[in-house]
Amino acid sequence: MSEPLEGERTLVNRWLVMTKVALALLVLNFLTSFNNVWSTPWVRPDTRIAPDLAGLWLILLLLVAVYGRVGRRAIAVLTGIFLLVVIGRYVDVTVPSWLGRKVNIYWDAQHLPKFLDVASQDYAWWQIVGMVAALIAGFWLLTRLIRVCIEVLARHAAPYALRSPTAWVFALAALGLIAASFMQVQAAMPYVSAPVFPVYKRQAHLLAAAFLPGRFRAELPESPPLASDLKVLGGAEVKVVFLESYGATTYERDDLFEVISPARQRLEQAANAQGRKVLSAFVRAAAFGGASDLSHLSFLSGIDLTDPIRHDLLITTDRPTMLDTFEQAGYRTIGLYPAMSWDWPEVSFYDFDHYHDAPSLDYRGPKFGLWWLPDQFSMARIDEMYPPDPDGKPRFLFYPTITTHIPFRPTPPYQPDWSRVTSDEPYSEEATAKAMADAIDWHGLFQGYIDTINYTFVWLAGYQALPQPRESILILLGDHQPAGGITGPNATWNVPVHVITSNETIAERLRQHGFIDGVNPLQKSLGHISDLGLLLLSVFDSGGEGVEDPAPVVESSQRQAVKRAAL
């Protein structure tokens, strides 16, 4: 009876080993081929072959063939590398669903601590400690799972595969399928997932461009001429208001267009009632779903900063921007950044005459969500601090808004009495309570986005109706499309731009450049947002299209000294 029992035991062990190997392959393939559940932090499995797992398999076969076994150190190293692959896969498929773009380690790593600081403000200390502990435990379990799977393949699968012709056939077939996919063979591509290695390759390229002088010169083009005498403005003030997350999707999605259109129309009506026209167009933003600074500085510098490395390189230089043009024409430049609750060293590049972040605005009302300053308050407060002076220097205001930033809740109430919005009690208790009841919902962002966009056009319409001691031109434009969860897949990078003016010369010149009257632009984009700043400078110039062979705008030695000291 001992022999049959021994045979049965051997058969059971063989099936157990086969089951372990199959599970190890499935787990490792899942960890390097999963996809994102759109606009959430969760993932879903993908049945395609993961090229990164195939690479691990070849390494294991090579080690066993050369050394007869895979040592503990080799397994530890492979575990660490594979963990990085899994992390890279998660970031690569998750970030686009939130931001609409691929990860950029140089750019995003700098802002991650600030984002975590803002996001953590809504939690108690013990909740934060719990989440950190859970994250550490999760990484430990993931590392342990990867190591166990690699050990199973190294000890059981690789030695058998080297001796088995059948295993060689399957391995070569899988490798052939992966190679065909890399060569863009359409029949093979549905069966192979995207590899993770190019993600890290791209990050290495970006870091090299930032730190190697030769790459620096190749990555950052020369600045275009920014000369304009601005005489067509006739001394009118210019207010550039970047509307956070205001994108073409508010026109392209019927369900968004229908509910936002009435608020946009009320803005046009309010402007018309004051003798002003609204002219609109689309331009292509320098970012999608985030990284607003890329669009801001593209507009001001005239350089396409879609590649974040260009932006980061630019702010280390003494290059001129549109701000220099306005300062040389006698304008007082004001930077209004209510999103900033922390030190922002990059502001030294802009060199505003006056710069204000959230704390400096001295808001005393209720705080609304993560981005707690209502946009209406910020505009009212800056006019209170620097009132328009019909006889003094005109103002150039650069104001990136914040209320329409993800997670879009709670939406502040609109205060029709603009004098009250800067007081200690800007809203009634009832209005505040109603707004605060609209709690943040990370899984239900759509309605919050609609509410905040509508709020934006309500306060802008109210602002248009206010008396203007000095004529001004209001330029409203989006910085980027909202997150992928709002736009859906395959959205464009286009954003609307609205110019509100009573100056008929400016209006006619804008029409000649492709703007149309009203708040509904033509579908075609006029070009990149960096071209828009140059276009406006030419429109404001007495020559109409800019002067011939314009002399470059020269920064003062004082400004250059300030930048160098800050950097």
Protein backbone atom coordinates (compact mmCIF):
# COMPACT_ATOMS: atom_id res chain seq x y z
CA MET A 1 0.00 0.00 0.00
CA SER A 2 2.99 2.33 0.51
CA GLU A 3 3.82 2.67 -3.20
CA PRO A 4 0.31 3.84 -4.34
CA LEU A 5 0.20 6.23 -1.41
CA GLU A 6 3.58 7.62 -2.35
CA GLY A 7 2.43 8.01 -5.97
CA GLU A 8 -0.72 9.79 -4.93
CA ARG A 9 1.30 12.08 -2.71
CA THR A 10 3.62 12.90 -5.61
CA LEU A 11 0.67 13.62 -7.90
CA VAL A 12 -0.92 15.92 -5.31
CA ASN A 13 2.38 17.76 -4.82
CA ARG A 14 2.74 18.16 -8.58
CA TRP A 15 -0.75 19.66 -8.90
CA LEU A 16 -0.05 21.90 -5.90
CA VAL A 17 3.15 23.19 -7.50
CA MET A 18 1.35 23.77 -10.81
CA THR A 19 -1.39 25.69 -9.01
CA LYS A 20 1.20 27.84 -7.22
CA VAL A 21 2.97 28.57 -10.49
CA ALA A 22 -0.27 29.46 -12.26
CA LEU A 23 -1.32 31.76 -9.42
CA ALA A 24 2.11 33.41 -9.33
CA LEU A 25 1.95 34.11 -13.07
CA LEU A 26 -1.58 35.49 -12.83
CA VAL A 27 -0.74 37.74 -9.87
CA LEU A 28 2.43 39.14 -11.43
CA ASN A 29 0.69 39.63 -14.76
CA PHE A 30 -2.17 41.46 -13.04
CA LEU A 31 0.24 43.71 -11.15
CA THR A 32 1.85 44.92 -14.41
CA SER A 33 -1.15 45.00 -16.76
CA PHE A 34 -4.08 46.38 -14.71
CA ASN A 35 -6.02 49.42 -15.84
CA ASN A 36 -7.70 52.28 -14.02
CA VAL A 37 -11.35 52.46 -13.05
CA TRP A 38 -11.85 55.82 -14.74
CA SER A 39 -11.38 58.86 -12.47
CA THR A 40 -10.98 56.81 -9.26
CA PRO A 41 -7.91 55.50 -7.40
CA TRP A 42 -9.05 51.92 -8.00
CA VAL A 43 -7.83 49.46 -10.64
CA ARG A 44 -9.36 46.63 -12.64
CA PRO A 45 -7.64 43.51 -14.01
CA ASP A 46 -6.53 43.19 -17.62
CA THR A 47 -6.23 39.82 -19.33
CA ARG A 48 -3.50 40.96 -21.74
CA ILE A 49 0.10 39.75 -21.51
CA ALA A 50 2.37 42.07 -19.55
CA PRO A 51 5.75 42.64 -21.31
CA ASP A 52 7.36 43.40 -17.94
CA LEU A 53 6.46 39.94 -16.66
CA ALA A 54 7.98 38.45 -19.81
CA GLY A 55 11.18 40.37 -19.03
CA LEU A 56 11.23 38.97 -15.48
CA TRP A 57 10.68 35.46 -16.84
CA LEU A 58 13.65 35.75 -19.22
CA ILE A 59 15.89 36.94 -16.37
CA LEU A 60 14.86 33.97 -14.21
CA LEU A 61 15.54 31.55 -17.05
CA LEU A 62 18.96 33.10 -17.63
CA LEU A 63 19.92 32.92 -13.94
CA VAL A 64 18.86 29.28 -13.64
CA ALA A 65 20.62 28.36 -16.89
CA VAL A 66 23.90 30.00 -15.81
CA TYR A 67 23.98 29.37 -12.05
CA GLY A 68 21.57 26.47 -11.65
CA ARG A 69 19.44 28.45 -9.22
CA VAL A 70 18.25 31.94 -8.30
CA GLY A 71 19.85 33.13 -5.07
CA ARG A 72 18.18 35.04 -2.27
CA ARG A 73 19.97 38.29 -3.15
CA ALA A 74 18.86 38.03 -6.76
CA ILE A 75 15.27 37.42 -5.66
CA ALA A 76 15.44 40.46 -3.35
CA VAL A 77 16.78 42.66 -6.16
CA LEU A 78 14.16 41.40 -8.62
CA THR A 79 11.46 42.01 -6.01
CA GLY A 80 12.57 45.62 -5.59
CA ILE A 81 12.69 46.21 -9.34
CA PHE A 82 9.31 44.60 -9.86
CA LEU A 83 7.81 46.74 -7.07
CA LEU A 84 9.01 49.84 -8.95
CA VAL A 85 7.40 48.46 -12.09
CA VAL A 86 4.08 48.01 -10.27
CA ILE A 87 4.25 51.53 -8.84
CA GLY A 88 5.08 52.89 -12.29
CA ARG A 89 2.12 51.04 -13.78
CA TYR A 90 -0.25 52.42 -11.14
CA VAL A 91 0.91 55.98 -11.63
CA ASP A 92 0.88 55.65 -15.42
CA VAL A 93 -2.75 54.51 -15.61
CA THR A 94 -4.17 56.47 -12.67
CA VAL A 95 -2.75 59.98 -13.16
CA PRO A 96 -4.27 60.42 -16.66
CA SER A 97 -7.74 59.63 -15.35
CA TRP A 98 -7.44 62.48 -12.84
CA LEU A 99 -5.28 65.00 -14.68
CA GLY A 100 -5.73 64.02 -18.31
CA ARG A 101 -1.98 63.81 -18.84
CA LYS A 102 0.91 61.51 -18.08
CA VAL A 103 2.89 61.81 -14.87
CA ASN A 104 5.88 64.14 -14.77
CA ILE A 105 8.15 63.35 -11.84
CA TYR A 106 10.09 66.63 -12.09
CA TRP A 107 6.93 68.73 -11.97
CA ASP A 108 4.57 66.62 -9.86
CA ALA A 109 7.11 65.68 -7.19
CA GLN A 110 7.55 69.36 -6.32
CA HIS A 111 3.82 69.87 -5.85
CA LEU A 112 2.96 66.57 -4.16
CA PRO A 113 3.89 67.77 -0.64
CA LYS A 114 1.79 70.91 -1.11
CA PHE A 115 -1.15 68.88 -2.40
CA LEU A 116 -0.93 66.45 0.50
CA ASP A 117 -0.76 69.35 2.94
CA VAL A 118 -3.92 70.91 1.50
CA ALA A 119 -5.75 67.57 1.22
CA SER A 120 -4.89 66.60 4.82
CA GLN A 121 -6.48 69.72 6.28
CA ASP A 122 -9.86 67.98 6.24
CA TYR A 123 -8.72 65.12 8.52
CA ALA A 124 -7.89 64.78 12.21
CA TRP A 125 -4.32 63.83 13.18
CA TRP A 126 -5.32 60.30 14.17
CA GLN A 127 -6.98 59.76 10.79
CA ILE A 128 -3.81 60.88 9.01
CA VAL A 129 -1.70 58.56 11.17
CA GLY A 130 -4.08 55.71 10.39
CA MET A 131 -3.89 56.33 6.65
CA VAL A 132 -0.08 56.49 6.73
CA ALA A 133 0.05 53.24 8.73
CA ALA A 134 -2.33 51.57 6.28
CA LEU A 135 -0.21 52.77 3.35
CA ILE A 136 2.97 51.36 4.92
CA ALA A 137 1.26 48.06 5.67
CA GLY A 138 -0.08 47.91 2.12
CA PHE A 139 3.39 48.41 0.66
CA TRP A 140 4.80 45.72 2.94
CA LEU A 141 2.10 43.24 1.89
CA LEU A 142 2.58 44.07 -1.78
CA THR A 143 6.35 43.58 -1.51
CA ARG A 144 5.86 40.28 0.29
CA LEU A 145 3.37 39.08 -2.32
CA ILE A 146 5.74 39.92 -5.18
CA ARG A 147 8.64 38.14 -3.48
CA VAL A 148 6.62 34.97 -2.85
CA CYS A 149 5.48 34.87 -6.49
CA ILE A 150 9.01 35.37 -7.81
CA GLU A 151 10.32 32.63 -5.49
CA VAL A 152 7.70 30.19 -6.83
CA LEU A 153 8.71 30.91 -10.42
CA ALA A 154 12.43 30.76 -9.61
CA ARG A 155 12.28 27.46 -7.69
CA HIS A 156 9.68 25.54 -9.65
CA ALA A 157 8.74 27.07 -13.00
CA ALA A 158 12.10 28.22 -14.42
CA PRO A 159 14.02 24.93 -13.84
CA TYR A 160 11.15 22.91 -15.38
CA ALA A 161 10.77 25.30 -18.32
CA LEU A 162 14.42 24.90 -19.30
CA ARG A 163 13.88 21.12 -19.65
CA SER A 164 10.44 21.20 -21.29
CA PRO A 165 10.03 21.63 -25.08
CA THR A 166 6.36 22.52 -24.53
CA ALA A 167 7.30 25.35 -22.16
CA TRP A 168 9.77 26.67 -24.76
CA VAL A 169 7.04 26.72 -27.40
CA PHE A 170 4.69 28.72 -25.17
CA ALA A 171 7.47 31.10 -24.11
CA LEU A 172 8.57 31.76 -27.67
CA ALA A 173 4.96 32.28 -28.78
CA ALA A 174 4.41 34.84 -26.02
CA LEU A 175 7.65 36.64 -26.84
CA GLY A 176 6.75 36.69 -30.53
CA LEU A 177 3.36 38.19 -29.71
CA ILE A 178 5.00 40.88 -27.56
CA ALA A 179 7.56 41.66 -30.28
CA ALA A 180 4.79 41.95 -32.87
CA SER A 181 2.92 44.34 -30.60
CA PHE A 182 6.03 46.51 -30.19
CA MET A 183 6.32 46.63 -33.99
CA GLN A 184 2.73 47.93 -34.14
CA VAL A 185 1.27 44.78 -35.70
CA GLN A 186 -2.44 45.43 -35.29
CA ALA A 187 -3.37 41.77 -34.86
CA ALA A 188 -1.07 41.43 -31.84
CA MET A 189 -1.70 44.71 -30.03
CA PRO A 190 -5.04 43.76 -28.39
CA TYR A 191 -3.28 40.92 -26.56
CA VAL A 192 -0.32 42.82 -25.08
CA SER A 193 -0.47 45.58 -22.45
CA ALA A 194 1.72 48.67 -22.53
CA PRO A 195 5.15 48.17 -20.89
CA VAL A 196 6.16 50.24 -17.87
CA PHE A 197 9.80 50.74 -18.85
CA PRO A 198 9.05 53.73 -21.18
CA VAL A 199 7.47 55.55 -18.22
CA TYR A 200 10.78 55.60 -16.36
CA LYS A 201 12.71 56.26 -19.58
CA ARG A 202 10.69 59.44 -20.14
CA GLN A 203 11.25 60.64 -16.58
CA ALA A 204 15.00 60.13 -17.00
CA HIS A 205 14.89 62.22 -20.18
CA LEU A 206 13.06 65.05 -18.40
CA LEU A 207 15.50 65.09 -15.49
CA ALA A 208 18.48 65.10 -17.86
CA ALA A 209 16.99 68.06 -19.73
CA ALA A 210 16.68 69.95 -16.48
CA PHE A 211 20.20 69.41 -15.18
CA LEU A 212 22.48 69.15 -18.23
CA PRO A 213 23.42 72.53 -19.83
CA GLY A 214 23.47 71.13 -23.35
CA ARG A 215 20.00 69.70 -22.98
CA PHE A 216 18.85 73.01 -21.43
CA ARG A 217 19.66 74.96 -24.56
CA ALA A 218 18.03 72.35 -26.75
CA GLU A 219 14.83 72.19 -24.68
CA LEU A 220 14.06 75.91 -24.17
CA PRO A 221 13.54 77.98 -27.33
CA GLU A 222 14.31 81.67 -27.58
CA SER A 223 11.71 84.13 -26.36
CA PRO A 224 9.63 85.88 -29.05
CA PRO A 225 9.51 89.68 -29.26
CA LEU A 226 7.00 91.03 -26.73
CA ALA A 227 7.02 94.66 -27.81
CA SER A 228 3.79 96.67 -28.00
CA ASP A 229 3.12 100.34 -27.29
CA LEU A 230 -0.36 99.44 -25.92
CA LYS A 231 -1.68 102.76 -27.22
CA VAL A 232 -4.91 101.24 -28.55
CA LEU A 233 -5.88 100.55 -24.93
CA GLY A 234 -6.11 104.28 -24.36
CA GLY A 235 -5.09 103.88 -20.75
CA ALA A 236 -7.77 101.25 -20.02
CA GLU A 237 -6.98 98.72 -17.33
CA VAL A 238 -6.42 95.10 -18.32
CA LYS A 239 -7.63 92.23 -16.16
CA VAL A 240 -6.55 88.73 -17.14
CA VAL A 241 -8.63 86.21 -15.21
CA PHE A 242 -7.68 82.56 -15.66
CA LEU A 243 -10.74 80.46 -14.82
CA GLU A 244 -9.57 77.27 -13.13
CA SER A 245 -10.64 74.07 -14.96
CA TYR A 246 -12.75 76.00 -17.47
CA GLY A 247 -12.44 73.97 -20.65
CA ALA A 248 -14.02 73.29 -24.02
CA THR A 249 -15.88 70.38 -22.47
CA THR A 250 -18.43 72.97 -21.22
CA TYR A 251 -19.35 73.34 -24.90
CA GLU A 252 -18.57 69.87 -26.25
CA ARG A 253 -20.68 67.92 -23.77
CA ASP A 254 -24.37 68.62 -24.36
CA ASP A 255 -25.31 67.92 -20.74
CA LEU A 256 -22.78 70.57 -19.57
CA PHE A 257 -23.57 73.10 -22.29
CA GLU A 258 -27.30 73.10 -21.57
CA VAL A 259 -26.97 73.88 -17.85
CA ILE A 260 -24.03 76.31 -18.10
CA SER A 261 -25.20 78.24 -21.16
CA PRO A 262 -27.81 80.39 -19.32
CA ALA A 263 -25.18 81.67 -16.84
CA ARG A 264 -22.80 82.48 -19.70
CA GLN A 265 -25.59 84.34 -21.50
CA ARG A 266 -26.27 86.41 -18.37
CA LEU A 267 -22.62 87.50 -18.38
CA GLU A 268 -22.96 88.66 -21.98
CA GLN A 269 -26.19 90.51 -21.17
CA ALA A 270 -24.59 92.23 -18.18
CA ALA A 271 -21.64 93.34 -20.35
CA ASN A 272 -23.92 94.56 -23.15
CA ALA A 273 -25.95 96.58 -20.66
CA GLN A 274 -22.77 98.53 -19.85
CA GLY A 275 -21.95 99.16 -23.48
CA ARG A 276 -19.38 96.38 -23.76
CA LYS A 277 -19.06 93.55 -26.25
CA VAL A 278 -18.06 89.95 -25.54
CA LEU A 279 -15.87 88.27 -28.15
CA SER A 280 -14.93 84.60 -27.86
CA ALA A 281 -12.61 81.96 -29.30
CA PHE A 282 -10.89 78.70 -28.41
CA VAL A 283 -7.17 78.24 -27.84
CA ARG A 284 -5.19 75.12 -26.97
CA ALA A 285 -4.05 75.03 -23.35
CA ALA A 286 -0.56 73.98 -22.28
CA ALA A 287 -1.94 71.46 -19.78
CA PHE A 288 -4.88 69.15 -19.16
CA GLY A 289 -6.56 68.58 -15.81
CA GLY A 290 -3.82 70.29 -13.79
CA ALA A 291 -0.46 72.12 -13.85
CA SER A 292 -2.15 75.48 -14.43
CA ASP A 293 1.18 77.34 -14.32
CA LEU A 294 2.07 75.87 -17.71
CA SER A 295 -0.81 77.77 -19.32
CA HIS A 296 -0.32 80.89 -17.20
CA LEU A 297 3.31 81.34 -18.15
CA SER A 298 2.81 80.21 -21.75
CA PHE A 299 0.38 83.10 -22.10
CA LEU A 300 2.71 85.61 -20.44
CA SER A 301 5.97 84.51 -22.09
CA GLY A 302 4.82 83.63 -25.61
CA ILE A 303 6.63 80.27 -25.33
CA ASP A 304 4.83 76.94 -25.67
CA LEU A 305 5.36 75.36 -22.24
CA THR A 306 3.30 72.22 -22.81
CA ASP A 307 6.40 70.27 -21.83
CA PRO A 308 6.72 71.01 -18.09
CA ILE A 309 10.51 70.93 -18.31
CA ARG A 310 10.40 74.08 -20.43
CA HIS A 311 8.43 75.84 -17.70
CA ASP A 312 10.84 74.80 -14.98
CA LEU A 313 13.81 75.86 -17.07
CA LEU A 314 12.24 79.20 -17.98
CA ILE A 315 11.73 80.36 -14.40
CA THR A 316 15.46 79.96 -13.73
CA THR A 317 16.21 82.62 -16.37
CA ASP A 318 15.87 86.39 -16.74
CA ARG A 319 13.60 86.09 -19.78
CA PRO A 320 11.01 88.89 -20.30
CA THR A 321 7.24 88.37 -20.17
CA MET A 322 4.15 90.37 -21.02
CA LEU A 323 4.39 91.90 -17.54
CA ASP A 324 7.53 93.77 -18.62
CA THR A 325 5.67 95.15 -21.63
CA PHE A 326 2.90 96.58 -19.45
CA GLU A 327 5.32 97.90 -16.82
CA GLN A 328 7.32 99.76 -19.46
CA ALA A 329 4.06 101.30 -20.74
CA GLY A 330 3.34 102.71 -17.27
CA TYR A 331 1.04 100.00 -15.91
CA ARG A 332 1.06 98.74 -12.33
CA THR A 333 1.11 94.91 -12.35
CA ILE A 334 -0.77 92.94 -9.69
CA GLY A 335 -0.60 89.19 -9.18
CA LEU A 336 -3.64 87.78 -7.35
CA TYR A 337 -3.16 84.13 -6.34
CA PRO A 338 -5.81 83.03 -3.80
CA ALA A 339 -4.78 79.38 -4.28
CA MET A 340 -1.44 80.01 -2.62
CA SER A 341 -1.40 79.41 1.12
CA TRP A 342 2.32 78.61 1.19
CA ASP A 343 5.56 80.28 0.15
CA TRP A 344 5.94 80.39 -3.63
CA PRO A 345 9.55 81.17 -4.56
CA GLU A 346 8.77 81.05 -8.29
CA VAL A 347 6.90 84.36 -7.97
CA SER A 348 10.27 86.14 -8.13
CA PHE A 349 10.37 85.31 -11.85
CA TYR A 350 7.11 87.16 -12.48
CA ASP A 351 8.16 90.19 -10.42
CA PHE A 352 4.71 91.69 -9.99
CA ASP A 353 4.62 95.20 -8.57
CA HIS A 354 2.17 93.77 -6.03
CA TYR A 355 1.65 90.06 -5.26
CA HIS A 356 -1.06 88.67 -3.01
CA ASP A 357 -1.63 85.11 -1.84
CA ALA A 358 -4.51 83.81 0.29
CA PRO A 359 -3.23 84.89 3.75
CA SER A 360 -2.44 88.43 2.59
CA LEU A 361 -6.05 88.97 1.46
CA ASP A 362 -7.28 88.73 5.08
CA TYR A 363 -10.47 86.80 4.42
CA ARG A 364 -12.64 86.65 7.53
CA GLY A 365 -15.66 84.73 6.27
CA PRO A 366 -16.47 81.00 6.34
CA LYS A 367 -13.97 78.71 4.63
CA PHE A 368 -15.37 76.67 1.76
CA GLY A 369 -13.64 73.33 1.29
CA LEU A 370 -10.00 72.72 0.45
CA TRP A 371 -9.72 75.91 -1.62
CA TRP A 372 -11.48 78.07 0.88
CA LEU A 373 -11.37 81.58 -0.62
CA PRO A 374 -14.43 82.48 -2.75
CA ASP A 375 -13.40 83.93 -6.11
CA GLN A 376 -15.90 86.77 -5.74
CA PHE A 377 -14.21 87.85 -2.51
CA SER A 378 -10.73 87.82 -4.08
CA MET A 379 -11.82 90.13 -6.90
CA ALA A 380 -13.65 92.46 -4.53
CA ARG A 381 -10.73 92.51 -2.11
CA ILE A 382 -8.11 93.41 -4.71
CA ASP A 383 -10.30 96.30 -5.92
CA GLU A 384 -10.61 97.40 -2.30
CA MET A 385 -6.85 97.25 -1.73
CA TYR A 386 -5.93 98.86 -5.07
CA PRO A 387 -8.95 100.90 -6.17
CA PRO A 388 -8.96 102.02 -9.81
CA ASP A 389 -7.59 105.54 -10.13
CA PRO A 390 -8.85 107.45 -13.19
CA ASP A 391 -5.86 109.81 -12.93
CA GLY A 392 -3.16 107.41 -11.77
CA LYS A 393 -1.38 104.40 -13.20
CA PRO A 394 -3.68 101.85 -14.87
CA ARG A 395 -3.63 98.35 -13.43
CA PHE A 396 -2.71 95.09 -15.12
CA LEU A 397 -4.31 92.36 -13.01
CA PHE A 398 -3.30 88.72 -13.39
CA TYR A 399 -5.75 86.57 -11.44
CA PRO A 400 -5.89 82.73 -11.55
CA THR A 401 -9.14 81.77 -9.80
CA ILE A 402 -9.54 78.80 -7.47
CA THR A 403 -13.21 78.06 -6.64
CA THR A 404 -13.59 75.82 -9.72
CA HIS A 405 -10.65 73.65 -8.66
CA ILE A 406 -11.29 69.95 -8.06
CA PRO A 407 -13.11 68.70 -5.88
CA PHE A 408 -15.50 71.60 -6.80
CA ARG A 409 -17.29 71.60 -3.46
CA PRO A 410 -18.69 73.27 -1.49
CA THR A 411 -19.78 76.08 -3.83
CA PRO A 412 -19.78 79.49 -2.09
CA PRO A 413 -22.98 81.53 -2.25
CA TYR A 414 -23.06 84.61 -4.43
CA GLN A 415 -23.30 87.90 -2.53
CA PRO A 416 -25.12 90.57 -4.60
CA ASP A 417 -23.93 93.24 -2.15
CA TRP A 418 -20.26 93.49 -3.15
CA SER A 419 -19.47 95.79 -0.24
CA ARG A 420 -20.47 93.07 2.17
CA VAL A 421 -18.39 90.27 0.64
CA THR A 422 -15.18 91.70 2.17
CA SER A 423 -16.74 92.17 5.62
CA ASP A 424 -16.54 89.94 8.71
CA GLU A 425 -19.96 88.45 7.82
CA PRO A 426 -20.07 88.18 4.03
CA TYR A 427 -23.05 85.81 3.92
CA SER A 428 -26.18 85.11 5.89
CA GLU A 429 -26.18 82.13 8.23
CA GLU A 430 -28.76 80.44 6.05
CA ALA A 431 -26.72 80.86 2.86
CA THR A 432 -23.55 79.65 4.58
CA ALA A 433 -25.27 76.59 6.07
CA LYS A 434 -26.77 75.66 2.70
CA ALA A 435 -23.39 75.92 0.99
CA MET A 436 -21.57 73.93 3.68
CA ALA A 437 -24.13 71.12 3.42
CA ASP A 438 -22.82 70.39 -0.07
CA ALA A 439 -19.96 68.22 1.18
CA ILE A 440 -16.95 67.09 -0.86
CA ASP A 441 -17.67 63.93 -2.84
CA TRP A 442 -14.63 62.59 -4.70
CA HIS A 443 -16.78 60.01 -6.47
CA GLY A 444 -19.44 62.51 -7.59
CA LEU A 445 -17.52 65.45 -9.05
CA PHE A 446 -19.76 66.18 -12.02
CA GLN A 447 -22.52 68.16 -10.29
CA GLY A 448 -20.00 70.05 -8.20
CA TYR A 449 -18.20 71.11 -11.38
CA ILE A 450 -21.45 72.44 -12.86
CA ASP A 451 -22.27 74.37 -9.69
CA THR A 452 -18.89 76.07 -9.44
CA ILE A 453 -18.79 77.03 -13.15
CA ASN A 454 -22.28 78.51 -12.85
CA TYR A 455 -21.19 80.37 -9.70
CA THR A 456 -18.24 81.80 -11.64
CA PHE A 457 -20.42 83.31 -14.36
CA VAL A 458 -22.89 84.61 -11.79
CA TRP A 459 -20.25 86.62 -9.93
CA LEU A 460 -18.60 87.73 -13.18
CA ALA A 461 -21.97 89.03 -14.41
CA GLY A 462 -22.42 90.84 -11.11
CA TYR A 463 -18.94 92.31 -11.42
CA GLN A 464 -19.74 93.61 -14.91
CA ALA A 465 -22.74 95.46 -13.51
CA LEU A 466 -20.64 97.38 -10.96
CA PRO A 467 -19.66 101.01 -11.65
CA GLN A 468 -16.21 101.23 -13.25
CA PRO A 469 -14.23 104.36 -12.23
CA ARG A 470 -11.85 103.55 -15.08
CA GLU A 471 -12.54 101.68 -18.30
CA SER A 472 -11.10 98.19 -18.34
CA ILE A 473 -10.75 95.19 -20.61
CA LEU A 474 -11.58 91.83 -19.05
CA ILE A 475 -9.91 88.75 -20.52
CA LEU A 476 -11.41 85.47 -19.29
CA LEU A 477 -9.77 82.21 -20.29
CA GLY A 478 -9.47 78.66 -19.09
CA ASP A 479 -6.17 77.32 -17.84
CA HIS A 480 -6.95 73.72 -18.78
CA GLN A 481 -9.76 71.24 -19.17
CA PRO A 482 -11.19 69.73 -15.96
CA ALA A 483 -10.09 66.28 -14.81
CA GLY A 484 -10.71 63.27 -16.99
CA GLY A 485 -13.65 62.20 -14.84
CA ILE A 486 -15.51 65.30 -16.05
CA THR A 487 -14.42 65.40 -19.69
CA GLY A 488 -14.54 61.67 -20.38
CA PRO A 489 -11.93 60.04 -22.65
CA ASN A 490 -10.43 61.56 -25.80
CA ALA A 491 -11.16 65.17 -24.86
CA THR A 492 -9.35 68.03 -26.61
CA TRP A 493 -6.98 70.40 -24.82
CA ASN A 494 -8.94 73.45 -25.97
CA VAL A 495 -10.12 76.14 -23.57
CA PRO A 496 -12.44 79.12 -24.18
CA VAL A 497 -11.28 82.74 -24.11
CA HIS A 498 -13.68 85.67 -23.77
CA VAL A 499 -12.61 89.30 -24.21
CA ILE A 500 -15.02 91.92 -22.81
CA THR A 501 -14.41 95.44 -24.06
CA SER A 502 -16.11 98.67 -25.12
CA ASN A 503 -13.21 99.52 -27.44
CA GLU A 504 -14.51 99.00 -30.99
CA THR A 505 -11.01 99.06 -32.50
CA ILE A 506 -9.95 96.16 -30.27
CA ALA A 507 -13.19 94.30 -31.00
CA GLU A 508 -12.76 94.61 -34.77
CA ARG A 509 -9.12 93.51 -34.64
CA LEU A 510 -10.09 90.47 -32.58
CA ARG A 511 -12.73 89.56 -35.19
CA GLN A 512 -10.05 89.73 -37.87
CA HIS A 513 -8.01 87.22 -35.86
CA GLY A 514 -10.90 84.72 -35.58
CA PHE A 515 -12.86 85.84 -32.52
CA ILE A 516 -16.65 86.04 -32.90
CA ASP A 517 -19.22 88.09 -31.03
CA GLY A 518 -20.96 86.43 -28.09
CA VAL A 519 -19.99 83.79 -25.56
CA ASN A 520 -20.14 80.81 -27.92
CA PRO A 521 -16.88 80.50 -29.91
CA LEU A 522 -16.37 78.77 -33.23
CA GLN A 523 -15.23 75.20 -32.74
CA LYS A 524 -11.84 75.71 -34.37
CA SER A 525 -8.93 76.66 -32.10
CA LEU A 526 -6.92 79.80 -32.91
CA GLY A 527 -3.70 78.09 -31.85
CA HIS A 528 -1.70 77.55 -28.71
CA ILE A 529 -2.31 79.68 -25.62
CA SER A 530 1.22 81.08 -25.99
CA ASP A 531 0.13 82.60 -29.32
CA LEU A 532 -2.81 84.31 -27.63
CA GLY A 533 -0.62 86.60 -25.54
CA LEU A 534 1.32 87.65 -28.63
CA LEU A 535 -1.93 88.17 -30.54
CA LEU A 536 -3.31 90.47 -27.83
CA LEU A 537 -0.11 92.52 -27.71
CA SER A 538 -0.38 93.08 -31.46
CA VAL A 539 -4.06 94.03 -31.12
CA PHE A 540 -3.20 96.57 -28.40
CA ASP A 541 -0.36 98.10 -30.46
CA SER A 542 -0.94 101.29 -32.44
CA GLY A 543 0.42 99.51 -35.53
CA GLY A 544 -2.31 96.93 -35.35
CA GLU A 545 -0.08 93.93 -35.94
CA GLY A 546 2.89 95.05 -33.87
CA VAL A 547 5.79 97.27 -34.93
CA GLU A 548 8.35 96.18 -37.50
CA ASP A 549 11.49 94.57 -36.11
CA PRO A 550 10.41 95.28 -32.51
CA ALA A 551 13.17 95.77 -30.01
CA PRO A 552 13.10 93.09 -27.32
CA VAL A 553 11.67 94.00 -23.97
CA VAL A 554 14.61 94.57 -21.65
CA GLU A 555 14.39 93.81 -17.98
CA SER A 556 15.72 96.29 -15.50
CA SER A 557 18.93 95.41 -13.71
CA GLN A 558 16.98 95.61 -10.46
CA ARG A 559 14.55 92.94 -11.62
CA GLN A 560 17.39 90.67 -12.73
CA ALA A 561 19.06 91.08 -9.35
CA VAL A 562 15.82 90.17 -7.56
CA LYS A 563 15.45 86.99 -9.62
CA ARG A 564 19.03 85.87 -9.13
CA ALA A 565 18.78 86.41 -5.38
CA ALA A 566 15.58 84.37 -5.17
CA LEU A 567 16.88 81.52 -7.30
